[in-house]
Amino acid sequence: GGTGPAIAMAETMRHNAAYEPKRMLDFMPRIHNIHGKFYQMTEDYVEP
């Protein structure tokens, strides 16, 4: 029965996923800069 914001919340899953950091290894010779994206840092310095 979800509508509006509920559908929008589910839609975020179309644009995000848990890919593996180790996949960077095969491309490392051409990786020269990194964007350290984060959405929240807790008081104990953790990005959840």
ModelCIF file with pLDDT and N, C-alpha, C, O atoms, coordinates in Angstrom:
data_MODEL
#
_entry.id   MODEL 
#
_entity.id                         1 
_entity.type                       polymer 
_entity.pdbx_number_of_molecules   1 
#
_entity_poly.entity_id                      1 
_entity_poly.type                           'polypeptide(L)' 
_entity_poly.nstd_linkage                   no 
_entity_poly.nstd_monomer                   no 
_entity_poly.pdbx_seq_one_letter_code       GGTGPAIAMAETMRHNAAYEPKRMLDFMPRIHNIHGKFYQMTEDYVEP 
_entity_poly.pdbx_seq_one_letter_code_can   GGTGPAIAMAETMRHNAAYEPKRMLDFMPRIHNIHGKFYQMTEDYVEP 
_entity_poly.pdbx_strand_id                 A 
#
loop_
_entity_poly_seq.entity_id 
_entity_poly_seq.num 
_entity_poly_seq.mon_id 
_entity_poly_seq.hetero 
1 1  GLY n 
1 2  GLY n 
1 3  THR n 
1 4  GLY n 
1 5  PRO n 
1 6  ALA n 
1 7  ILE n 
1 8  ALA n 
1 9  MET n 
1 10 ALA n 
1 11 GLU n 
1 12 THR n 
1 13 MET n 
1 14 ARG n 
1 15 HIS n 
1 16 ASN n 
1 17 ALA n 
1 18 ALA n 
1 19 TYR n 
1 20 GLU n 
1 21 PRO n 
1 22 LYS n 
1 23 ARG n 
1 24 MET n 
1 25 LEU n 
1 26 ASP n 
1 27 PHE n 
1 28 MET n 
1 29 PRO n 
1 30 ARG n 
1 31 ILE n 
1 32 HIS n 
1 33 ASN n 
1 34 ILE n 
1 35 HIS n 
1 36 GLY n 
1 37 LYS n 
1 38 PHE n 
1 39 TYR n 
1 40 GLN n 
1 41 MET n 
1 42 THR n 
1 43 GLU n 
1 44 ASP n 
1 45 TYR n 
1 46 VAL n 
1 47 GLU n 
1 48 PRO n 
#
_struct_asym.id          A 
_struct_asym.entity_id   1 
#
loop_
_ma_qa_metric.id 
_ma_qa_metric.mode 
_ma_qa_metric.name 
_ma_qa_metric.software_group_id 
_ma_qa_metric.type 
1 global pLDDT . pLDDT 
2 local  pLDDT . pLDDT 
#
_ma_qa_metric_global.metric_id      1 
_ma_qa_metric_global.metric_value   97.10 
_ma_qa_metric_global.model_id       1 
_ma_qa_metric_global.ordinal_id     1 
#
loop_
_ma_qa_metric_local.label_asym_id 
_ma_qa_metric_local.label_comp_id 
_ma_qa_metric_local.label_seq_id 
_ma_qa_metric_local.metric_id 
_ma_qa_metric_local.metric_value 
_ma_qa_metric_local.model_id 
_ma_qa_metric_local.ordinal_id 
A GLY 1  2 97.00 1 1  
A GLY 2  2 97.00 1 2  
A THR 3  2 95.00 1 3  
A GLY 4  2 97.00 1 4  
A PRO 5  2 98.00 1 5  
A ALA 6  2 98.00 1 6  
A ILE 7  2 98.00 1 7  
A ALA 8  2 98.00 1 8  
A MET 9  2 98.00 1 9  
A ALA 10 2 98.00 1 10 
A GLU 11 2 98.00 1 11 
A THR 12 2 97.00 1 12 
A MET 13 2 97.00 1 13 
A ARG 14 2 95.00 1 14 
A HIS 15 2 95.00 1 15 
A ASN 16 2 95.00 1 16 
A ALA 17 2 92.00 1 17 
A ALA 18 2 95.00 1 18 
A TYR 19 2 96.00 1 19 
A GLU 20 2 96.00 1 20 
A PRO 21 2 97.00 1 21 
A LYS 22 2 97.00 1 22 
A ARG 23 2 97.00 1 23 
A MET 24 2 98.00 1 24 
A LEU 25 2 98.00 1 25 
A ASP 26 2 97.00 1 26 
A PHE 27 2 98.00 1 27 
A MET 28 2 97.00 1 28 
A PRO 29 2 97.00 1 29 
A ARG 30 2 98.00 1 30 
A ILE 31 2 98.00 1 31 
A HIS 32 2 98.00 1 32 
A ASN 33 2 98.00 1 33 
A ILE 34 2 98.00 1 34 
A HIS 35 2 98.00 1 35 
A GLY 36 2 98.00 1 36 
A LYS 37 2 98.00 1 37 
A PHE 38 2 98.00 1 38 
A TYR 39 2 98.00 1 39 
A GLN 40 2 98.00 1 40 
A MET 41 2 98.00 1 41 
A THR 42 2 97.00 1 42 
A GLU 43 2 96.00 1 43 
A ASP 44 2 96.00 1 44 
A TYR 45 2 97.00 1 45 
A VAL 46 2 97.00 1 46 
A GLU 47 2 98.00 1 47 
A PRO 48 2 98.00 1 48 
#
loop_
_atom_site.group_PDB 
_atom_site.id 
_atom_site.type_symbol 
_atom_site.label_atom_id 
_atom_site.label_alt_id 
_atom_site.label_comp_id 
_atom_site.label_asym_id 
_atom_site.label_entity_id 
_atom_site.label_seq_id 
_atom_site.pdbx_PDB_ins_code 
_atom_site.Cartn_x 
_atom_site.Cartn_y 
_atom_site.Cartn_z 
_atom_site.occupancy 
_atom_site.B_iso_or_equiv 
_atom_site.pdbx_formal_charge 
_atom_site.auth_seq_id 
_atom_site.auth_comp_id 
_atom_site.auth_asym_id 
_atom_site.auth_atom_id 
_atom_site.pdbx_PDB_model_num 
ATOM 1   N N  . GLY A 1 1  ? 0.787  -1.218 0.000   1.00 97.00 ? 1  GLY A N  1 
ATOM 2   C CA . GLY A 1 1  ? 0.000  0.000  0.000   1.00 97.00 ? 1  GLY A CA 1 
ATOM 3   C C  . GLY A 1 1  ? 0.821  1.271  0.000   1.00 97.00 ? 1  GLY A C  1 
ATOM 4   O O  . GLY A 1 1  ? 0.283  2.357  0.217   1.00 97.00 ? 1  GLY A O  1 
ATOM 5   N N  . GLY A 1 2  ? 2.103  1.152  -0.238  1.00 97.00 ? 2  GLY A N  1 
ATOM 6   C CA . GLY A 1 2  ? 2.974  2.310  -0.236  1.00 97.00 ? 2  GLY A CA 1 
ATOM 7   C C  . GLY A 1 2  ? 2.767  3.185  -1.467  1.00 97.00 ? 2  GLY A C  1 
ATOM 8   O O  . GLY A 1 2  ? 2.598  2.684  -2.579  1.00 97.00 ? 2  GLY A O  1 
ATOM 9   N N  . THR A 1 3  ? 2.782  4.486  -1.253  1.00 95.00 ? 3  THR A N  1 
ATOM 10  C CA . THR A 1 3  ? 2.664  5.450  -2.347  1.00 95.00 ? 3  THR A CA 1 
ATOM 11  C C  . THR A 1 3  ? 3.655  6.581  -2.108  1.00 95.00 ? 3  THR A C  1 
ATOM 12  O O  . THR A 1 3  ? 4.276  6.647  -1.047  1.00 95.00 ? 3  THR A O  1 
ATOM 13  N N  . GLY A 1 4  ? 3.808  7.467  -3.081  1.00 97.00 ? 4  GLY A N  1 
ATOM 14  C CA . GLY A 1 4  ? 4.597  8.678  -2.915  1.00 97.00 ? 4  GLY A CA 1 
ATOM 15  C C  . GLY A 1 4  ? 5.974  8.451  -2.313  1.00 97.00 ? 4  GLY A C  1 
ATOM 16  O O  . GLY A 1 4  ? 6.811  7.791  -2.929  1.00 97.00 ? 4  GLY A O  1 
ATOM 17  N N  . PRO A 1 5  ? 6.228  8.988  -1.110  1.00 98.00 ? 5  PRO A N  1 
ATOM 18  C CA . PRO A 1 5  ? 7.545  8.852  -0.496  1.00 98.00 ? 5  PRO A CA 1 
ATOM 19  C C  . PRO A 1 5  ? 7.993  7.402  -0.303  1.00 98.00 ? 5  PRO A C  1 
ATOM 20  O O  . PRO A 1 5  ? 9.186  7.113  -0.383  1.00 98.00 ? 5  PRO A O  1 
ATOM 21  N N  . ALA A 1 6  ? 7.068  6.504  -0.055  1.00 98.00 ? 6  ALA A N  1 
ATOM 22  C CA . ALA A 1 6  ? 7.430  5.098  0.131   1.00 98.00 ? 6  ALA A CA 1 
ATOM 23  C C  . ALA A 1 6  ? 8.003  4.514  -1.161  1.00 98.00 ? 6  ALA A C  1 
ATOM 24  O O  . ALA A 1 6  ? 8.991  3.781  -1.135  1.00 98.00 ? 6  ALA A O  1 
ATOM 25  N N  . ILE A 1 7  ? 7.377  4.845  -2.282  1.00 98.00 ? 7  ILE A N  1 
ATOM 26  C CA . ILE A 1 7  ? 7.914  4.403  -3.577  1.00 98.00 ? 7  ILE A CA 1 
ATOM 27  C C  . ILE A 1 7  ? 9.269  5.060  -3.825  1.00 98.00 ? 7  ILE A C  1 
ATOM 28  O O  . ILE A 1 7  ? 10.191 4.414  -4.322  1.00 98.00 ? 7  ILE A O  1 
ATOM 29  N N  . ALA A 1 8  ? 9.392  6.340  -3.482  1.00 98.00 ? 8  ALA A N  1 
ATOM 30  C CA . ALA A 1 8  ? 10.657 7.051  -3.668  1.00 98.00 ? 8  ALA A CA 1 
ATOM 31  C C  . ALA A 1 8  ? 11.761 6.400  -2.839  1.00 98.00 ? 8  ALA A C  1 
ATOM 32  O O  . ALA A 1 8  ? 12.890 6.276  -3.314  1.00 98.00 ? 8  ALA A O  1 
ATOM 33  N N  . MET A 1 9  ? 11.459 5.986  -1.622  1.00 98.00 ? 9  MET A N  1 
ATOM 34  C CA . MET A 1 9  ? 12.457 5.322  -0.788  1.00 98.00 ? 9  MET A CA 1 
ATOM 35  C C  . MET A 1 9  ? 12.907 4.011  -1.432  1.00 98.00 ? 9  MET A C  1 
ATOM 36  O O  . MET A 1 9  ? 14.098 3.699  -1.456  1.00 98.00 ? 9  MET A O  1 
ATOM 37  N N  . ALA A 1 10 ? 11.953 3.253  -1.950  1.00 98.00 ? 10 ALA A N  1 
ATOM 38  C CA . ALA A 1 10 ? 12.305 2.000  -2.631  1.00 98.00 ? 10 ALA A CA 1 
ATOM 39  C C  . ALA A 1 10 ? 13.099 2.273  -3.902  1.00 98.00 ? 10 ALA A C  1 
ATOM 40  O O  . ALA A 1 10 ? 13.992 1.505  -4.260  1.00 98.00 ? 10 ALA A O  1 
ATOM 41  N N  . GLU A 1 11 ? 12.770 3.371  -4.584  1.00 98.00 ? 11 GLU A N  1 
ATOM 42  C CA . GLU A 1 11 ? 13.460 3.708  -5.832  1.00 98.00 ? 11 GLU A CA 1 
ATOM 43  C C  . GLU A 1 11 ? 14.951 3.976  -5.621  1.00 98.00 ? 11 GLU A C  1 
ATOM 44  O O  . GLU A 1 11 ? 15.740 3.813  -6.552  1.00 98.00 ? 11 GLU A O  1 
ATOM 45  N N  . THR A 1 12 ? 15.346 4.382  -4.414  1.00 97.00 ? 12 THR A N  1 
ATOM 46  C CA . THR A 1 12 ? 16.780 4.619  -4.175  1.00 97.00 ? 12 THR A CA 1 
ATOM 47  C C  . THR A 1 12 ? 17.599 3.367  -4.439  1.00 97.00 ? 12 THR A C  1 
ATOM 48  O O  . THR A 1 12 ? 18.792 3.455  -4.733  1.00 97.00 ? 12 THR A O  1 
ATOM 49  N N  . MET A 1 13 ? 16.976 2.213  -4.338  1.00 97.00 ? 13 MET A N  1 
ATOM 50  C CA . MET A 1 13 ? 17.703 0.960  -4.563  1.00 97.00 ? 13 MET A CA 1 
ATOM 51  C C  . MET A 1 13 ? 18.053 0.760  -6.032  1.00 97.00 ? 13 MET A C  1 
ATOM 52  O O  . MET A 1 13 ? 18.919 -0.053 -6.352  1.00 97.00 ? 13 MET A O  1 
ATOM 53  N N  . ARG A 1 14 ? 17.394 1.488  -6.931  1.00 95.00 ? 14 ARG A N  1 
ATOM 54  C CA . ARG A 1 14 ? 17.767 1.402  -8.344  1.00 95.00 ? 14 ARG A CA 1 
ATOM 55  C C  . ARG A 1 14 ? 19.134 2.037  -8.594  1.00 95.00 ? 14 ARG A C  1 
ATOM 56  O O  . ARG A 1 14 ? 19.830 1.681  -9.545  1.00 95.00 ? 14 ARG A O  1 
ATOM 57  N N  . HIS A 1 15 ? 19.501 2.965  -7.744  1.00 95.00 ? 15 HIS A N  1 
ATOM 58  C CA . HIS A 1 15 ? 20.677 3.795  -8.003  1.00 95.00 ? 15 HIS A CA 1 
ATOM 59  C C  . HIS A 1 15 ? 21.840 3.519  -7.051  1.00 95.00 ? 15 HIS A C  1 
ATOM 60  O O  . HIS A 1 15 ? 22.864 4.198  -7.108  1.00 95.00 ? 15 HIS A O  1 
ATOM 61  N N  . ASN A 1 16 ? 21.685 2.532  -6.183  1.00 95.00 ? 16 ASN A N  1 
ATOM 62  C CA . ASN A 1 16 ? 22.723 2.228  -5.207  1.00 95.00 ? 16 ASN A CA 1 
ATOM 63  C C  . ASN A 1 16 ? 22.819 0.727  -5.022  1.00 95.00 ? 16 ASN A C  1 
ATOM 64  O O  . ASN A 1 16 ? 21.826 0.009  -5.141  1.00 95.00 ? 16 ASN A O  1 
ATOM 65  N N  . ALA A 1 17 ? 24.029 0.258  -4.727  1.00 92.00 ? 17 ALA A N  1 
ATOM 66  C CA . ALA A 1 17 ? 24.224 -1.162 -4.498  1.00 92.00 ? 17 ALA A CA 1 
ATOM 67  C C  . ALA A 1 17 ? 25.527 -1.380 -3.733  1.00 92.00 ? 17 ALA A C  1 
ATOM 68  O O  . ALA A 1 17 ? 26.353 -0.476 -3.609  1.00 92.00 ? 17 ALA A O  1 
ATOM 69  N N  . ALA A 1 18 ? 25.688 -2.583 -3.232  1.00 95.00 ? 18 ALA A N  1 
ATOM 70  C CA . ALA A 1 18 ? 26.863 -2.916 -2.428  1.00 95.00 ? 18 ALA A CA 1 
ATOM 71  C C  . ALA A 1 18 ? 27.912 -3.599 -3.303  1.00 95.00 ? 18 ALA A C  1 
ATOM 72  O O  . ALA A 1 18 ? 28.160 -4.797 -3.169  1.00 95.00 ? 18 ALA A O  1 
ATOM 73  N N  . TYR A 1 19 ? 28.524 -2.830 -4.197  1.00 96.00 ? 19 TYR A N  1 
ATOM 74  C CA . TYR A 1 19 ? 29.582 -3.401 -5.017  1.00 96.00 ? 19 TYR A CA 1 
ATOM 75  C C  . TYR A 1 19 ? 30.837 -3.617 -4.171  1.00 96.00 ? 19 TYR A C  1 
ATOM 76  O O  . TYR A 1 19 ? 30.948 -3.087 -3.065  1.00 96.00 ? 19 TYR A O  1 
ATOM 77  N N  . GLU A 1 20 ? 31.761 -4.386 -4.689  1.00 96.00 ? 20 GLU A N  1 
ATOM 78  C CA . GLU A 1 20 ? 32.923 -4.799 -3.901  1.00 96.00 ? 20 GLU A CA 1 
ATOM 79  C C  . GLU A 1 20 ? 34.117 -3.882 -4.124  1.00 96.00 ? 20 GLU A C  1 
ATOM 80  O O  . GLU A 1 20 ? 34.524 -3.674 -5.267  1.00 96.00 ? 20 GLU A O  1 
ATOM 81  N N  . PRO A 1 21 ? 34.690 -3.326 -3.045  1.00 97.00 ? 21 PRO A N  1 
ATOM 82  C CA . PRO A 1 21 ? 35.882 -2.479 -3.185  1.00 97.00 ? 21 PRO A CA 1 
ATOM 83  C C  . PRO A 1 21 ? 37.043 -3.171 -3.890  1.00 97.00 ? 21 PRO A C  1 
ATOM 84  O O  . PRO A 1 21 ? 37.838 -2.514 -4.561  1.00 97.00 ? 21 PRO A O  1 
ATOM 85  N N  . LYS A 1 22 ? 37.147 -4.491 -3.746  1.00 97.00 ? 22 LYS A N  1 
ATOM 86  C CA . LYS A 1 22 ? 38.286 -5.209 -4.342  1.00 97.00 ? 22 LYS A CA 1 
ATOM 87  C C  . LYS A 1 22 ? 38.288 -5.123 -5.867  1.00 97.00 ? 22 LYS A C  1 
ATOM 88  O O  . LYS A 1 22 ? 39.315 -5.393 -6.488  1.00 97.00 ? 22 LYS A O  1 
ATOM 89  N N  . ARG A 1 23 ? 37.161 -4.753 -6.487  1.00 97.00 ? 23 ARG A N  1 
ATOM 90  C CA . ARG A 1 23 ? 37.145 -4.629 -7.939  1.00 97.00 ? 23 ARG A CA 1 
ATOM 91  C C  . ARG A 1 23 ? 38.018 -3.486 -8.425  1.00 97.00 ? 23 ARG A C  1 
ATOM 92  O O  . ARG A 1 23 ? 38.369 -3.427 -9.603  1.00 97.00 ? 23 ARG A O  1 
ATOM 93  N N  . MET A 1 24 ? 38.376 -2.562 -7.507  1.00 98.00 ? 24 MET A N  1 
ATOM 94  C CA . MET A 1 24 ? 39.281 -1.481 -7.886  1.00 98.00 ? 24 MET A CA 1 
ATOM 95  C C  . MET A 1 24 ? 40.675 -1.985 -8.212  1.00 98.00 ? 24 MET A C  1 
ATOM 96  O O  . MET A 1 24 ? 41.418 -1.315 -8.929  1.00 98.00 ? 24 MET A O  1 
ATOM 97  N N  . LEU A 1 25 ? 41.043 -3.143 -7.706  1.00 98.00 ? 25 LEU A N  1 
ATOM 98  C CA . LEU A 1 25 ? 42.415 -3.629 -7.875  1.00 98.00 ? 25 LEU A CA 1 
ATOM 99  C C  . LEU A 1 25 ? 42.796 -3.798 -9.343  1.00 98.00 ? 25 LEU A C  1 
ATOM 100 O O  . LEU A 1 25 ? 43.918 -3.483 -9.739  1.00 98.00 ? 25 LEU A O  1 
ATOM 101 N N  . ASP A 1 26 ? 41.856 -4.297 -10.149 1.00 97.00 ? 26 ASP A N  1 
ATOM 102 C CA . ASP A 1 26 ? 42.162 -4.521 -11.560 1.00 97.00 ? 26 ASP A CA 1 
ATOM 103 C C  . ASP A 1 26 ? 42.328 -3.224 -12.340 1.00 97.00 ? 26 ASP A C  1 
ATOM 104 O O  . ASP A 1 26 ? 42.871 -3.225 -13.445 1.00 97.00 ? 26 ASP A O  1 
ATOM 105 N N  . PHE A 1 27 ? 41.863 -2.120 -11.768 1.00 98.00 ? 27 PHE A N  1 
ATOM 106 C CA . PHE A 1 27 ? 41.921 -0.832 -12.466 1.00 98.00 ? 27 PHE A CA 1 
ATOM 107 C C  . PHE A 1 27 ? 42.901 0.136  -11.807 1.00 98.00 ? 27 PHE A C  1 
ATOM 108 O O  . PHE A 1 27 ? 43.019 1.287  -12.226 1.00 98.00 ? 27 PHE A O  1 
ATOM 109 N N  . MET A 1 28 ? 43.597 -0.333 -10.781 1.00 97.00 ? 28 MET A N  1 
ATOM 110 C CA . MET A 1 28 ? 44.419 0.557  -9.972  1.00 97.00 ? 28 MET A CA 1 
ATOM 111 C C  . MET A 1 28 ? 45.456 1.353  -10.759 1.00 97.00 ? 28 MET A C  1 
ATOM 112 O O  . MET A 1 28 ? 45.707 2.507  -10.412 1.00 97.00 ? 28 MET A O  1 
ATOM 113 N N  . PRO A 1 29 ? 46.075 0.791  -11.809 1.00 97.00 ? 29 PRO A N  1 
ATOM 114 C CA . PRO A 1 29 ? 47.055 1.606  -12.547 1.00 97.00 ? 29 PRO A CA 1 
ATOM 115 C C  . PRO A 1 29 ? 46.479 2.879  -13.149 1.00 97.00 ? 29 PRO A C  1 
ATOM 116 O O  . PRO A 1 29 ? 47.224 3.819  -13.428 1.00 97.00 ? 29 PRO A O  1 
ATOM 117 N N  . ARG A 1 30 ? 45.157 2.928  -13.356 1.00 98.00 ? 30 ARG A N  1 
ATOM 118 C CA . ARG A 1 30 ? 44.532 4.135  -13.922 1.00 98.00 ? 30 ARG A CA 1 
ATOM 119 C C  . ARG A 1 30 ? 43.687 4.886  -12.902 1.00 98.00 ? 30 ARG A C  1 
ATOM 120 O O  . ARG A 1 30 ? 42.989 5.829  -13.273 1.00 98.00 ? 30 ARG A O  1 
ATOM 121 N N  . ILE A 1 31 ? 43.725 4.501  -11.630 1.00 98.00 ? 31 ILE A N  1 
ATOM 122 C CA . ILE A 1 31 ? 43.007 5.223  -10.587 1.00 98.00 ? 31 ILE A CA 1 
ATOM 123 C C  . ILE A 1 31 ? 43.977 6.205  -9.942  1.00 98.00 ? 31 ILE A C  1 
ATOM 124 O O  . ILE A 1 31 ? 44.984 5.800  -9.361  1.00 98.00 ? 31 ILE A O  1 
ATOM 125 N N  . HIS A 1 32 ? 43.670 7.507  -10.047 1.00 98.00 ? 32 HIS A N  1 
ATOM 126 C CA . HIS A 1 32 ? 44.597 8.527  -9.568  1.00 98.00 ? 32 HIS A CA 1 
ATOM 127 C C  . HIS A 1 32 ? 43.982 9.474  -8.530  1.00 98.00 ? 32 HIS A C  1 
ATOM 128 O O  . HIS A 1 32 ? 44.704 10.250 -7.903  1.00 98.00 ? 32 HIS A O  1 
ATOM 129 N N  . ASN A 1 33 ? 42.685 9.420  -8.346  1.00 98.00 ? 33 ASN A N  1 
ATOM 130 C CA . ASN A 1 33 ? 42.041 10.277 -7.357  1.00 98.00 ? 33 ASN A CA 1 
ATOM 131 C C  . ASN A 1 33 ? 40.753 9.578  -6.928  1.00 98.00 ? 33 ASN A C  1 
ATOM 132 O O  . ASN A 1 33 ? 40.196 8.784  -7.686  1.00 98.00 ? 33 ASN A O  1 
ATOM 133 N N  . ILE A 1 34 ? 40.279 9.869  -5.716  1.00 98.00 ? 34 ILE A N  1 
ATOM 134 C CA . ILE A 1 34 ? 39.110 9.167  -5.181  1.00 98.00 ? 34 ILE A CA 1 
ATOM 135 C C  . ILE A 1 34 ? 38.188 10.159 -4.490  1.00 98.00 ? 34 ILE A C  1 
ATOM 136 O O  . ILE A 1 34 ? 38.636 11.042 -3.760  1.00 98.00 ? 34 ILE A O  1 
ATOM 137 N N  . HIS A 1 35 ? 36.879 9.996  -4.737  1.00 98.00 ? 35 HIS A N  1 
ATOM 138 C CA . HIS A 1 35 ? 35.877 10.766 -4.007  1.00 98.00 ? 35 HIS A CA 1 
ATOM 139 C C  . HIS A 1 35 ? 35.407 9.947  -2.812  1.00 98.00 ? 35 HIS A C  1 
ATOM 140 O O  . HIS A 1 35 ? 34.788 8.895  -2.969  1.00 98.00 ? 35 HIS A O  1 
ATOM 141 N N  . GLY A 1 36 ? 35.708 10.441 -1.621  1.00 98.00 ? 36 GLY A N  1 
ATOM 142 C CA . GLY A 1 36 ? 35.330 9.756  -0.393  1.00 98.00 ? 36 GLY A CA 1 
ATOM 143 C C  . GLY A 1 36 ? 33.903 10.087 0.016   1.00 98.00 ? 36 GLY A C  1 
ATOM 144 O O  . GLY A 1 36 ? 33.678 10.737 1.037   1.00 98.00 ? 36 GLY A O  1 
ATOM 145 N N  . LYS A 1 37 ? 32.948 9.643  -0.777  1.00 98.00 ? 37 LYS A N  1 
ATOM 146 C CA . LYS A 1 37 ? 31.534 9.906  -0.496  1.00 98.00 ? 37 LYS A CA 1 
ATOM 147 C C  . LYS A 1 37 ? 31.176 9.407  0.900   1.00 98.00 ? 37 LYS A C  1 
ATOM 148 O O  . LYS A 1 37 ? 31.601 8.327  1.311   1.00 98.00 ? 37 LYS A O  1 
ATOM 149 N N  . PHE A 1 38 ? 30.392 10.202 1.626   1.00 98.00 ? 38 PHE A N  1 
ATOM 150 C CA . PHE A 1 38 ? 29.830 9.717  2.877   1.00 98.00 ? 38 PHE A CA 1 
ATOM 151 C C  . PHE A 1 38 ? 28.555 10.478 3.176   1.00 98.00 ? 38 PHE A C  1 
ATOM 152 O O  . PHE A 1 38 ? 28.370 11.618 2.751   1.00 98.00 ? 38 PHE A O  1 
ATOM 153 N N  . TYR A 1 39 ? 27.676 9.813  3.925   1.00 98.00 ? 39 TYR A N  1 
ATOM 154 C CA . TYR A 1 39 ? 26.368 10.376 4.239   1.00 98.00 ? 39 TYR A CA 1 
ATOM 155 C C  . TYR A 1 39 ? 26.223 10.726 5.712   1.00 98.00 ? 39 TYR A C  1 
ATOM 156 O O  . TYR A 1 39 ? 25.372 11.532 6.088   1.00 98.00 ? 39 TYR A O  1 
ATOM 157 N N  . GLN A 1 40 ? 27.057 10.118 6.538   1.00 98.00 ? 40 GLN A N  1 
ATOM 158 C CA . GLN A 1 40 ? 26.954 10.376 7.971   1.00 98.00 ? 40 GLN A CA 1 
ATOM 159 C C  . GLN A 1 40 ? 28.205 9.863  8.655   1.00 98.00 ? 40 GLN A C  1 
ATOM 160 O O  . GLN A 1 40 ? 28.644 8.742  8.397   1.00 98.00 ? 40 GLN A O  1 
ATOM 161 N N  . MET A 1 41 ? 28.782 10.677 9.525   1.00 98.00 ? 41 MET A N  1 
ATOM 162 C CA . MET A 1 41 ? 29.867 10.228 10.399  1.00 98.00 ? 41 MET A CA 1 
ATOM 163 C C  . MET A 1 41 ? 29.374 10.321 11.831  1.00 98.00 ? 41 MET A C  1 
ATOM 164 O O  . MET A 1 41 ? 29.002 11.398 12.295  1.00 98.00 ? 41 MET A O  1 
ATOM 165 N N  . THR A 1 42 ? 29.369 9.190  12.535  1.00 97.00 ? 42 THR A N  1 
ATOM 166 C CA . THR A 1 42 ? 28.908 9.176  13.918  1.00 97.00 ? 42 THR A CA 1 
ATOM 167 C C  . THR A 1 42 ? 29.953 9.794  14.833  1.00 97.00 ? 42 THR A C  1 
ATOM 168 O O  . THR A 1 42 ? 31.073 10.077 14.408  1.00 97.00 ? 42 THR A O  1 
ATOM 169 N N  . GLU A 1 43 ? 29.584 10.000 16.088  1.00 96.00 ? 43 GLU A N  1 
ATOM 170 C CA . GLU A 1 43 ? 30.501 10.600 17.046  1.00 96.00 ? 43 GLU A CA 1 
ATOM 171 C C  . GLU A 1 43 ? 31.731 9.730  17.299  1.00 96.00 ? 43 GLU A C  1 
ATOM 172 O O  . GLU A 1 43 ? 32.778 10.229 17.711  1.00 96.00 ? 43 GLU A O  1 
ATOM 173 N N  . ASP A 1 44 ? 31.599 8.431  17.049  1.00 96.00 ? 44 ASP A N  1 
ATOM 174 C CA . ASP A 1 44 ? 32.754 7.537  17.213  1.00 96.00 ? 44 ASP A CA 1 
ATOM 175 C C  . ASP A 1 44 ? 33.456 7.263  15.877  1.00 96.00 ? 44 ASP A C  1 
ATOM 176 O O  . ASP A 1 44 ? 34.153 6.260  15.722  1.00 96.00 ? 44 ASP A O  1 
ATOM 177 N N  . TYR A 1 45 ? 33.257 8.176  14.916  1.00 97.00 ? 45 TYR A N  1 
ATOM 178 C CA . TYR A 1 45 ? 34.014 8.200  13.664  1.00 97.00 ? 45 TYR A CA 1 
ATOM 179 C C  . TYR A 1 45 ? 33.769 6.969  12.786  1.00 97.00 ? 45 TYR A C  1 
ATOM 180 O O  . TYR A 1 45 ? 34.703 6.353  12.274  1.00 97.00 ? 45 TYR A O  1 
ATOM 181 N N  . VAL A 1 46 ? 32.514 6.639  12.632  1.00 97.00 ? 46 VAL A N  1 
ATOM 182 C CA . VAL A 1 46 ? 32.126 5.505  11.786  1.00 97.00 ? 46 VAL A CA 1 
ATOM 183 C C  . VAL A 1 46 ? 31.138 5.999  10.736  1.00 97.00 ? 46 VAL A C  1 
ATOM 184 O O  . VAL A 1 46 ? 30.202 6.733  11.053  1.00 97.00 ? 46 VAL A O  1 
ATOM 185 N N  . GLU A 1 47 ? 31.350 5.593  9.475   1.00 98.00 ? 47 GLU A N  1 
ATOM 186 C CA . GLU A 1 47 ? 30.354 5.789  8.425   1.00 98.00 ? 47 GLU A CA 1 
ATOM 187 C C  . GLU A 1 47 ? 29.520 4.513  8.405   1.00 98.00 ? 47 GLU A C  1 
ATOM 188 O O  . GLU A 1 47 ? 30.025 3.473  7.982   1.00 98.00 ? 47 GLU A O  1 
ATOM 189 N N  . PRO A 1 48 ? 28.257 4.551  8.849   1.00 98.00 ? 48 PRO A N  1 
ATOM 190 C CA . PRO A 1 48 ? 27.501 3.317  9.044   1.00 98.00 ? 48 PRO A CA 1 
ATOM 191 C C  . PRO A 1 48 ? 27.088 2.590  7.776   1.00 98.00 ? 48 PRO A C  1 
ATOM 192 O O  . PRO A 1 48 ? 26.448 1.541  7.846   1.00 98.00 ? 48 PRO A O  1 
#
